[in-house]
Amino acid sequence: MADFDTATPSSASPVTIIGAGLGGLTLARVLHVNGVPATIYEAEPSADARTQGGQLDLHEYNGQRAIAAAGLTDEFRAIVHLGGEASRVVDPNGVILLDEPDDGMGERPEVLRGDLRRILLDSLPDRMIQWGRKVTSVRSLGEGRHELSFADGSTATTGLLIGADGAWSRIRPLLSSATPEYTGMVFIETYLHDADEKHAATAKMLGAGSFLAVAPGKGIVGHRERDAVLHAYVAVTKPHEWIRDLEHSDTATIIEQVAAEFAGWAPELTALITDADTAPVLRAVNKLPIGHRWDRVAGVSLLGDAAHLMSPFAGEGANLAMFDGSELAAAIIAHPGDVEAALAEYEKALFTRSAQFAADSDGNHKLMFADDAPQGLLALLSGDEPS
């Protein structure tokens, strides 16, 4: 294990992580099991302040490697949604175009994001996370040290600051002037509960795992989650003004306008909009520039969406955030007492992998919703997509 006084930038402060998402928690956990202290500051008041999103698949080559580095493989296996790797593609008329069962041999097991976050939280001492600490500003003190100011009026200083605070990171401006850009597509998030009983026709059509129905510029994608929940993201290509106008509308108006985009589609599919058991939530899909990088700034770095926000069509967001966290921890551990060597090593690899995955995500987005949709999606899933 690394020694506190030599492995951290200053004996007066541990590694400071902003954000208790999957990436920040993974960084803290890998540091913790190697004896390197860290403190996480999280804006939300508690771990249960909001729901944590839907189901995601953890990839063998990055997300699962991060879990192994965190020493949580058994805990991860216990939360896997058995059968969740099944995949089905249907056309707008409900005709099944592709149906791949979960044969138990897949390399991308499905878990609920909330469950994954929980096992990470449970693996850390309570004192490591300070809840309700929203960063309002940060300033350089020179020589790699930074001062954080919080909404409650308190401050903290650190010799190693990591921004794991997502798309609208407060830490990113220390390194980069880049800000997220709207991709032109918006997701409308919906849920059907007790689907096998209350929404049997839709449940039967969509199958046991992920489901996708796409057409030029729009589609419905999602997962069957445990307890017969169907969780959908209804995707439409619209200008940002459309989102802003709809955000100020009531639920009935949102449902009516979104459903109108799918007029003529099979009722089993449009039921994910019209019969939703929760109010629809609009989520603009944003991204940072492909190949986003920055010059080395002493004492500070980024991980996850703060570093490389991308559209979700490569399925890499959570996986990359966790892998970033484990790789950054490994670099810190490998360079005791030399923060800059650790960050330089980490960022060199970070920039390369994130640029490739961001390009893949952008390409998949265009392919899935192109004028010949769903042909591009079918080619992507079969491995026959154009290079």
Protein backbone atom coordinates (compact mmCIF):
# COMPACT_ATOMS: atom_id res chain seq x y z
CA MET A 1 0.00 0.00 0.00
CA ALA A 2 1.06 3.58 -0.66
CA ASP A 3 2.06 5.75 2.25
CA PHE A 4 -0.12 8.79 2.97
CA ASP A 5 2.64 11.37 3.21
CA THR A 6 4.45 10.28 0.05
CA ALA A 7 1.60 9.14 -2.20
CA THR A 8 -0.55 12.25 -1.89
CA PRO A 9 0.35 15.73 -3.07
CA SER A 10 0.44 17.15 0.43
CA SER A 11 0.26 15.63 3.89
CA ALA A 12 -2.30 18.37 4.65
CA SER A 13 -4.85 17.26 2.08
CA PRO A 14 -5.89 14.01 0.43
CA VAL A 15 -6.83 13.63 -3.23
CA THR A 16 -9.90 15.84 -3.73
CA ILE A 17 -12.62 14.49 -6.02
CA ILE A 18 -15.58 16.58 -7.12
CA GLY A 19 -18.59 14.39 -7.84
CA ALA A 20 -19.86 11.08 -6.44
CA GLY A 21 -20.82 9.52 -9.74
CA LEU A 22 -19.48 6.20 -10.96
CA GLY A 23 -16.13 7.62 -12.07
CA GLY A 24 -15.38 9.59 -8.93
CA LEU A 25 -16.43 6.70 -6.71
CA THR A 26 -14.25 4.25 -8.64
CA LEU A 27 -11.25 6.56 -8.29
CA ALA A 28 -11.87 6.87 -4.54
CA ARG A 29 -12.33 3.12 -4.10
CA VAL A 30 -9.13 2.11 -5.93
CA LEU A 31 -7.19 4.72 -3.99
CA HIS A 32 -8.77 3.51 -0.74
CA VAL A 33 -7.83 -0.15 -1.20
CA ASN A 34 -4.26 1.00 -1.87
CA GLY A 35 -4.06 3.16 1.23
CA VAL A 36 -4.25 6.54 -0.49
CA PRO A 37 -6.73 8.90 1.21
CA ALA A 38 -9.31 10.83 -0.77
CA THR A 39 -12.25 13.11 -0.11
CA ILE A 40 -15.28 13.36 -2.39
CA TYR A 41 -17.39 16.53 -2.41
CA GLU A 42 -20.87 15.94 -3.84
CA ALA A 43 -23.51 18.61 -4.45
CA GLU A 44 -26.48 16.32 -3.82
CA PRO A 45 -27.66 16.18 -0.20
CA SER A 46 -27.56 12.38 0.08
CA ALA A 47 -27.03 9.18 -1.84
CA ASP A 48 -30.79 8.82 -2.28
CA ALA A 49 -31.52 12.37 -3.43
CA ARG A 50 -32.56 11.25 -6.92
CA THR A 51 -32.91 8.17 -9.07
CA GLN A 52 -29.72 7.12 -10.81
CA GLY A 53 -30.85 6.32 -14.34
CA GLY A 54 -31.53 3.02 -15.98
CA GLN A 55 -29.71 -0.09 -17.01
CA LEU A 56 -26.23 -0.18 -18.50
CA ASP A 57 -23.90 -2.85 -19.77
CA LEU A 58 -20.45 -3.14 -18.26
CA HIS A 59 -17.82 -3.99 -20.85
CA GLU A 60 -15.12 -6.57 -20.34
CA TYR A 61 -12.32 -4.34 -21.65
CA ASN A 62 -12.94 -1.27 -19.47
CA GLY A 63 -15.86 -1.21 -17.02
CA GLN A 64 -15.26 -4.72 -15.71
CA ARG A 65 -11.52 -4.05 -15.45
CA ALA A 66 -12.32 -1.04 -13.27
CA ILE A 67 -14.57 -3.19 -11.07
CA ALA A 68 -11.74 -5.72 -10.69
CA ALA A 69 -9.27 -2.97 -9.75
CA ALA A 70 -11.78 -1.83 -7.14
CA GLY A 71 -11.97 -5.37 -5.71
CA LEU A 72 -15.72 -5.54 -6.27
CA THR A 73 -16.15 -8.33 -8.83
CA ASP A 74 -18.25 -10.53 -6.54
CA GLU A 75 -20.49 -7.64 -5.57
CA PHE A 76 -20.88 -6.76 -9.25
CA ARG A 77 -21.86 -10.29 -10.22
CA ALA A 78 -24.54 -10.26 -7.53
CA ILE A 79 -26.37 -7.33 -9.19
CA VAL A 80 -26.22 -8.54 -12.80
CA HIS A 81 -29.61 -8.68 -14.51
CA LEU A 82 -29.65 -12.25 -15.77
CA GLY A 83 -31.14 -12.35 -19.25
CA GLY A 84 -30.56 -8.64 -19.74
CA GLU A 85 -28.12 -9.07 -22.63
CA ALA A 86 -30.94 -10.13 -24.93
CA SER A 87 -31.46 -7.68 -27.78
CA ARG A 88 -34.37 -7.08 -30.13
CA VAL A 89 -34.84 -4.71 -33.06
CA VAL A 90 -38.32 -4.02 -34.39
CA ASP A 91 -39.50 -1.81 -37.21
CA PRO A 92 -42.11 0.94 -36.75
CA ASN A 93 -44.85 -1.58 -37.54
CA GLY A 94 -43.68 -3.84 -34.75
CA VAL A 95 -42.15 -6.46 -37.05
CA ILE A 96 -39.18 -8.13 -35.38
CA LEU A 97 -36.05 -7.59 -37.49
CA LEU A 98 -33.44 -9.00 -35.12
CA ASP A 99 -33.85 -11.12 -32.01
CA GLU A 100 -30.76 -12.16 -30.07
CA PRO A 101 -31.37 -14.04 -26.81
CA ASP A 102 -29.11 -13.84 -23.79
CA ASP A 103 -27.34 -17.18 -23.92
CA GLY A 104 -25.20 -16.44 -20.88
CA MET A 105 -22.05 -16.17 -22.99
CA GLY A 106 -22.00 -12.41 -23.46
CA GLU A 107 -19.23 -10.08 -22.35
CA ARG A 108 -21.43 -7.09 -21.44
CA PRO A 109 -23.63 -8.00 -18.45
CA GLU A 110 -26.42 -5.58 -17.64
CA VAL A 111 -26.84 -3.86 -14.28
CA LEU A 112 -28.89 -0.98 -12.96
CA ARG A 113 -26.81 2.17 -12.60
CA GLY A 114 -28.25 2.71 -9.12
CA ASP A 115 -27.17 -0.78 -7.99
CA LEU A 116 -23.68 -0.23 -9.38
CA ARG A 117 -23.38 3.09 -7.60
CA ARG A 118 -24.61 1.48 -4.39
CA ILE A 119 -21.91 -1.18 -4.28
CA LEU A 120 -19.29 1.52 -4.82
CA LEU A 121 -20.78 3.70 -2.08
CA ASP A 122 -20.98 0.77 0.32
CA SER A 123 -17.30 0.02 -0.27
CA LEU A 124 -16.14 3.41 1.04
CA PRO A 125 -15.96 4.76 4.57
CA ASP A 126 -18.78 7.24 5.23
CA ARG A 127 -16.31 9.97 6.07
CA MET A 128 -14.87 9.92 2.55
CA ILE A 129 -17.95 11.53 1.01
CA GLN A 130 -19.17 14.97 2.02
CA TRP A 131 -22.76 15.37 0.83
CA GLY A 132 -24.43 18.71 0.14
CA ARG A 133 -21.15 20.37 -0.81
CA LYS A 134 -21.86 22.16 -4.09
CA VAL A 135 -18.82 23.82 -5.64
CA THR A 136 -19.56 27.40 -6.65
CA SER A 137 -16.06 28.48 -7.66
CA VAL A 138 -12.47 27.33 -7.73
CA ARG A 139 -9.25 29.32 -7.94
CA SER A 140 -5.59 28.53 -8.33
CA LEU A 141 -3.30 29.27 -5.40
CA GLY A 142 -0.19 28.52 -7.43
CA GLU A 143 2.22 25.60 -7.34
CA GLY A 144 -0.53 23.11 -8.16
CA ARG A 145 -2.79 24.02 -5.24
CA HIS A 146 -6.42 25.11 -5.57
CA GLU A 147 -9.09 26.57 -3.32
CA LEU A 148 -12.69 25.44 -3.62
CA SER A 149 -15.64 27.54 -2.49
CA PHE A 150 -18.95 25.87 -1.67
CA ALA A 151 -22.55 27.03 -1.66
CA ASP A 152 -22.67 26.74 2.14
CA GLY A 153 -19.94 29.37 2.45
CA SER A 154 -17.13 26.97 3.34
CA THR A 155 -13.84 26.51 1.48
CA ALA A 156 -11.26 23.77 1.06
CA THR A 157 -7.77 23.64 -0.42
CA THR A 158 -6.07 20.76 -2.17
CA GLY A 159 -2.88 19.81 -3.95
CA LEU A 160 -4.61 17.36 -6.29
CA LEU A 161 -8.05 18.24 -7.64
CA ILE A 162 -10.04 15.87 -9.86
CA GLY A 163 -13.18 17.00 -11.66
CA ALA A 164 -15.55 14.03 -11.82
CA ASP A 165 -18.54 16.36 -11.90
CA GLY A 166 -20.12 15.54 -15.22
CA ALA A 167 -21.16 17.39 -18.35
CA TRP A 168 -21.34 20.85 -16.80
CA SER A 169 -18.19 20.48 -14.74
CA ARG A 170 -17.12 23.36 -12.48
CA ILE A 171 -13.55 22.11 -12.67
CA ARG A 172 -13.20 21.90 -16.47
CA PRO A 173 -12.70 25.68 -16.97
CA LEU A 174 -9.38 25.41 -15.12
CA LEU A 175 -8.16 23.31 -18.04
CA SER A 176 -10.29 23.99 -21.08
CA SER A 177 -12.70 26.52 -22.57
CA ALA A 178 -14.76 23.75 -24.21
CA THR A 179 -18.44 23.47 -23.30
CA PRO A 180 -21.01 20.82 -24.24
CA GLU A 181 -22.76 21.24 -27.59
CA TYR A 182 -26.25 20.02 -28.46
CA THR A 183 -26.14 17.10 -30.89
CA GLY A 184 -29.53 17.90 -32.40
CA MET A 185 -31.29 14.98 -30.72
CA VAL A 186 -33.39 14.91 -27.57
CA PHE A 187 -34.45 11.91 -25.48
CA ILE A 188 -37.83 11.77 -23.78
CA GLU A 189 -37.47 9.31 -20.91
CA THR A 190 -40.47 7.17 -19.95
CA TYR A 191 -41.30 4.09 -17.85
CA LEU A 192 -43.94 1.37 -17.99
CA HIS A 193 -44.30 -0.41 -14.65
CA ASP A 194 -45.65 -3.93 -14.07
CA ALA A 195 -45.44 -4.27 -17.84
CA ASP A 196 -46.25 -7.98 -18.12
CA GLU A 197 -49.63 -7.38 -16.51
CA LYS A 198 -50.52 -3.77 -17.29
CA HIS A 199 -48.85 -3.44 -20.71
CA ALA A 200 -48.70 -7.05 -21.87
CA ALA A 201 -48.72 -6.42 -25.64
CA THR A 202 -45.82 -3.96 -25.40
CA ALA A 203 -43.87 -6.22 -23.07
CA LYS A 204 -44.30 -9.17 -25.41
CA MET A 205 -43.18 -7.21 -28.46
CA LEU A 206 -40.09 -5.72 -26.83
CA GLY A 207 -38.68 -8.90 -25.34
CA ALA A 208 -36.41 -9.71 -22.42
CA GLY A 209 -33.52 -7.25 -22.76
CA SER A 210 -32.71 -4.18 -24.81
CA PHE A 211 -35.09 -3.02 -27.52
CA LEU A 212 -34.58 -0.67 -30.44
CA ALA A 213 -36.93 0.72 -33.05
CA VAL A 214 -35.42 3.39 -35.29
CA ALA A 215 -36.38 5.38 -38.35
CA PRO A 216 -34.70 8.34 -40.06
CA GLY A 217 -34.02 10.95 -37.39
CA LYS A 218 -35.97 9.30 -34.59
CA GLY A 219 -36.55 6.12 -32.64
CA ILE A 220 -37.43 4.38 -29.40
CA VAL A 221 -34.70 2.56 -27.48
CA GLY A 222 -34.55 1.11 -24.01
CA HIS A 223 -34.41 -1.91 -21.74
CA ARG A 224 -36.54 -4.31 -19.81
CA GLU A 225 -35.39 -3.92 -16.24
CA ARG A 226 -36.09 -6.14 -13.25
CA ASP A 227 -39.60 -6.33 -11.79
CA ALA A 228 -41.16 -6.07 -15.26
CA VAL A 229 -40.16 -2.44 -15.85
CA LEU A 230 -39.83 -1.14 -19.41
CA HIS A 231 -37.55 1.90 -19.46
CA ALA A 232 -37.55 3.81 -22.75
CA TYR A 233 -35.77 6.73 -24.34
CA VAL A 234 -37.84 8.21 -27.15
CA ALA A 235 -35.39 9.96 -29.48
CA VAL A 236 -36.29 12.76 -31.88
CA THR A 237 -34.15 15.14 -33.91
CA LYS A 238 -35.30 18.65 -33.11
CA PRO A 239 -33.86 22.15 -32.72
CA HIS A 240 -33.07 23.24 -29.19
CA GLU A 241 -35.97 25.69 -29.30
CA TRP A 242 -38.39 22.74 -29.54
CA ILE A 243 -37.04 21.40 -26.27
CA ARG A 244 -37.22 24.77 -24.52
CA ASP A 245 -40.84 25.27 -25.60
CA LEU A 246 -41.86 21.78 -24.55
CA GLU A 247 -40.14 22.01 -21.17
CA HIS A 248 -42.65 24.68 -20.20
CA SER A 249 -45.65 22.58 -21.25
CA ASP A 250 -47.78 20.30 -19.11
CA THR A 251 -47.45 16.52 -19.22
CA ALA A 252 -50.44 16.01 -21.50
CA THR A 253 -49.04 18.45 -24.07
CA ILE A 254 -45.60 16.82 -23.99
CA ILE A 255 -47.12 13.37 -24.52
CA GLU A 256 -49.32 14.62 -27.35
CA GLN A 257 -46.50 16.35 -29.21
CA VAL A 258 -44.03 13.51 -28.79
CA ALA A 259 -46.58 10.89 -29.80
CA ALA A 260 -47.37 12.93 -32.93
CA GLU A 261 -43.78 12.36 -34.08
CA PHE A 262 -44.56 8.62 -34.16
CA ALA A 263 -47.96 8.70 -35.86
CA GLY A 264 -48.57 5.45 -37.70
CA TRP A 265 -46.17 3.41 -35.56
CA ALA A 266 -47.41 0.23 -33.91
CA PRO A 267 -49.52 0.99 -30.81
CA GLU A 268 -47.36 -1.42 -28.78
CA LEU A 269 -44.47 0.99 -29.41
CA THR A 270 -46.31 4.27 -29.00
CA ALA A 271 -47.67 2.96 -25.69
CA LEU A 272 -44.22 3.72 -24.32
CA ILE A 273 -45.20 7.36 -24.80
CA THR A 274 -48.96 7.50 -24.37
CA ASP A 275 -49.33 4.97 -21.54
CA ALA A 276 -46.25 5.86 -19.52
CA ASP A 277 -46.58 5.40 -15.78
CA THR A 278 -44.30 8.36 -15.03
CA ALA A 279 -44.18 11.91 -16.32
CA PRO A 280 -41.93 12.19 -19.39
CA VAL A 281 -38.50 13.76 -18.82
CA LEU A 282 -36.75 15.64 -21.62
CA ARG A 283 -33.00 15.12 -21.89
CA ALA A 284 -31.03 16.98 -24.54
CA VAL A 285 -28.16 14.87 -25.88
CA ASN A 286 -24.96 16.91 -25.64
CA LYS A 287 -21.31 16.24 -26.40
CA LEU A 288 -17.88 17.78 -26.07
CA PRO A 289 -15.76 18.14 -29.23
CA ILE A 290 -14.31 14.85 -30.46
CA GLY A 291 -10.69 14.72 -29.38
CA HIS A 292 -11.18 17.17 -26.51
CA ARG A 293 -7.89 17.63 -24.68
CA TRP A 294 -6.01 20.26 -22.70
CA ASP A 295 -2.50 21.33 -21.83
CA ARG A 296 -1.11 20.08 -18.52
CA VAL A 297 -2.16 22.32 -15.62
CA ALA A 298 -0.47 21.61 -12.32
CA GLY A 299 -2.52 19.84 -9.69
CA VAL A 300 -5.78 19.28 -11.57
CA SER A 301 -7.36 16.84 -14.04
CA LEU A 302 -10.74 15.47 -15.19
CA LEU A 303 -12.43 12.15 -15.72
CA GLY A 304 -15.68 10.82 -17.20
CA ASP A 305 -18.15 13.24 -18.80
CA ALA A 306 -16.21 16.20 -17.45
CA ALA A 307 -13.36 15.12 -19.73
CA HIS A 308 -15.08 13.54 -22.73
CA LEU A 309 -18.87 13.90 -22.78
CA MET A 310 -20.21 12.03 -25.79
CA SER A 311 -23.55 10.89 -27.14
CA PRO A 312 -24.62 7.49 -25.76
CA PHE A 313 -24.58 5.53 -29.00
CA ALA A 314 -21.39 3.64 -28.30
CA GLY A 315 -22.54 2.67 -24.81
CA GLU A 316 -19.25 3.79 -23.29
CA GLY A 317 -20.08 6.67 -20.95
CA ALA A 318 -20.26 4.85 -17.61
CA ASN A 319 -17.62 2.33 -18.64
CA LEU A 320 -15.14 5.04 -19.57
CA ALA A 321 -15.82 7.05 -16.42
CA MET A 322 -15.07 4.02 -14.24
CA PHE A 323 -12.03 3.06 -16.27
CA ASP A 324 -10.76 6.64 -16.10
CA GLY A 325 -11.11 6.47 -12.33
CA SER A 326 -9.22 3.20 -12.00
CA GLU A 327 -6.47 4.28 -14.41
CA LEU A 328 -6.00 7.62 -12.69
CA ALA A 329 -5.77 5.85 -9.34
CA ALA A 330 -3.17 3.46 -10.79
CA ALA A 331 -1.09 6.40 -12.03
CA ILE A 332 -1.22 8.15 -8.65
CA ILE A 333 -0.19 4.94 -6.88
CA ALA A 334 2.62 4.32 -9.38
CA HIS A 335 4.11 7.80 -8.87
CA PRO A 336 4.19 8.45 -5.11
CA GLY A 337 5.06 12.04 -4.37
CA ASP A 338 5.00 13.08 -8.07
CA VAL A 339 1.57 14.37 -8.95
CA GLU A 340 2.60 15.81 -12.30
CA ALA A 341 4.13 12.55 -13.53
CA ALA A 342 0.95 10.74 -12.52
CA LEU A 343 -1.37 13.19 -14.29
CA ALA A 344 0.78 13.36 -17.42
CA GLU A 345 0.79 9.56 -17.72
CA TYR A 346 -2.96 9.34 -17.13
CA GLU A 347 -3.90 12.11 -19.54
CA LYS A 348 -1.75 10.78 -22.38
CA ALA A 349 -3.75 7.54 -22.41
CA LEU A 350 -7.04 9.31 -21.61
CA PHE A 351 -6.89 11.55 -24.66
CA THR A 352 -6.24 8.66 -27.03
CA ARG A 353 -9.00 6.35 -25.81
CA SER A 354 -11.63 9.04 -25.35
CA ALA A 355 -11.08 10.45 -28.85
CA GLN A 356 -11.61 7.02 -30.39
CA PHE A 357 -14.78 6.28 -28.43
CA ALA A 358 -16.18 9.75 -29.07
CA ALA A 359 -15.67 9.24 -32.80
CA ASP A 360 -17.32 5.82 -32.58
CA SER A 361 -20.29 7.28 -30.73
CA ASP A 362 -20.73 10.08 -33.24
CA GLY A 363 -20.50 7.63 -36.12
CA ASN A 364 -23.02 5.27 -34.54
CA HIS A 365 -25.43 8.15 -33.96
CA LYS A 366 -25.35 9.10 -37.63
CA LEU A 367 -25.58 5.47 -38.76
CA MET A 368 -28.52 4.51 -36.54
CA PHE A 369 -30.76 7.41 -37.54
CA ALA A 370 -29.68 7.87 -41.17
CA ASP A 371 -32.07 8.08 -44.11
CA ASP A 372 -31.93 4.31 -44.59
CA ALA A 373 -32.73 3.49 -40.92
CA PRO A 374 -33.00 0.83 -39.57
CA GLN A 375 -30.49 -0.68 -42.02
CA GLY A 376 -27.51 1.05 -40.41
CA LEU A 377 -28.51 -0.21 -36.97
CA LEU A 378 -28.87 -3.78 -38.22
CA ALA A 379 -25.46 -3.56 -39.87
CA LEU A 380 -23.96 -2.14 -36.68
CA LEU A 381 -25.34 -4.94 -34.52
CA SER A 382 -24.24 -7.61 -36.98
CA GLY A 383 -20.73 -6.16 -37.27
CA ASP A 384 -21.15 -5.28 -40.93
CA GLU A 385 -21.18 -1.48 -40.56
CA PRO A 386 -19.08 0.46 -43.06
CA SER A 387 -15.58 1.48 -41.96
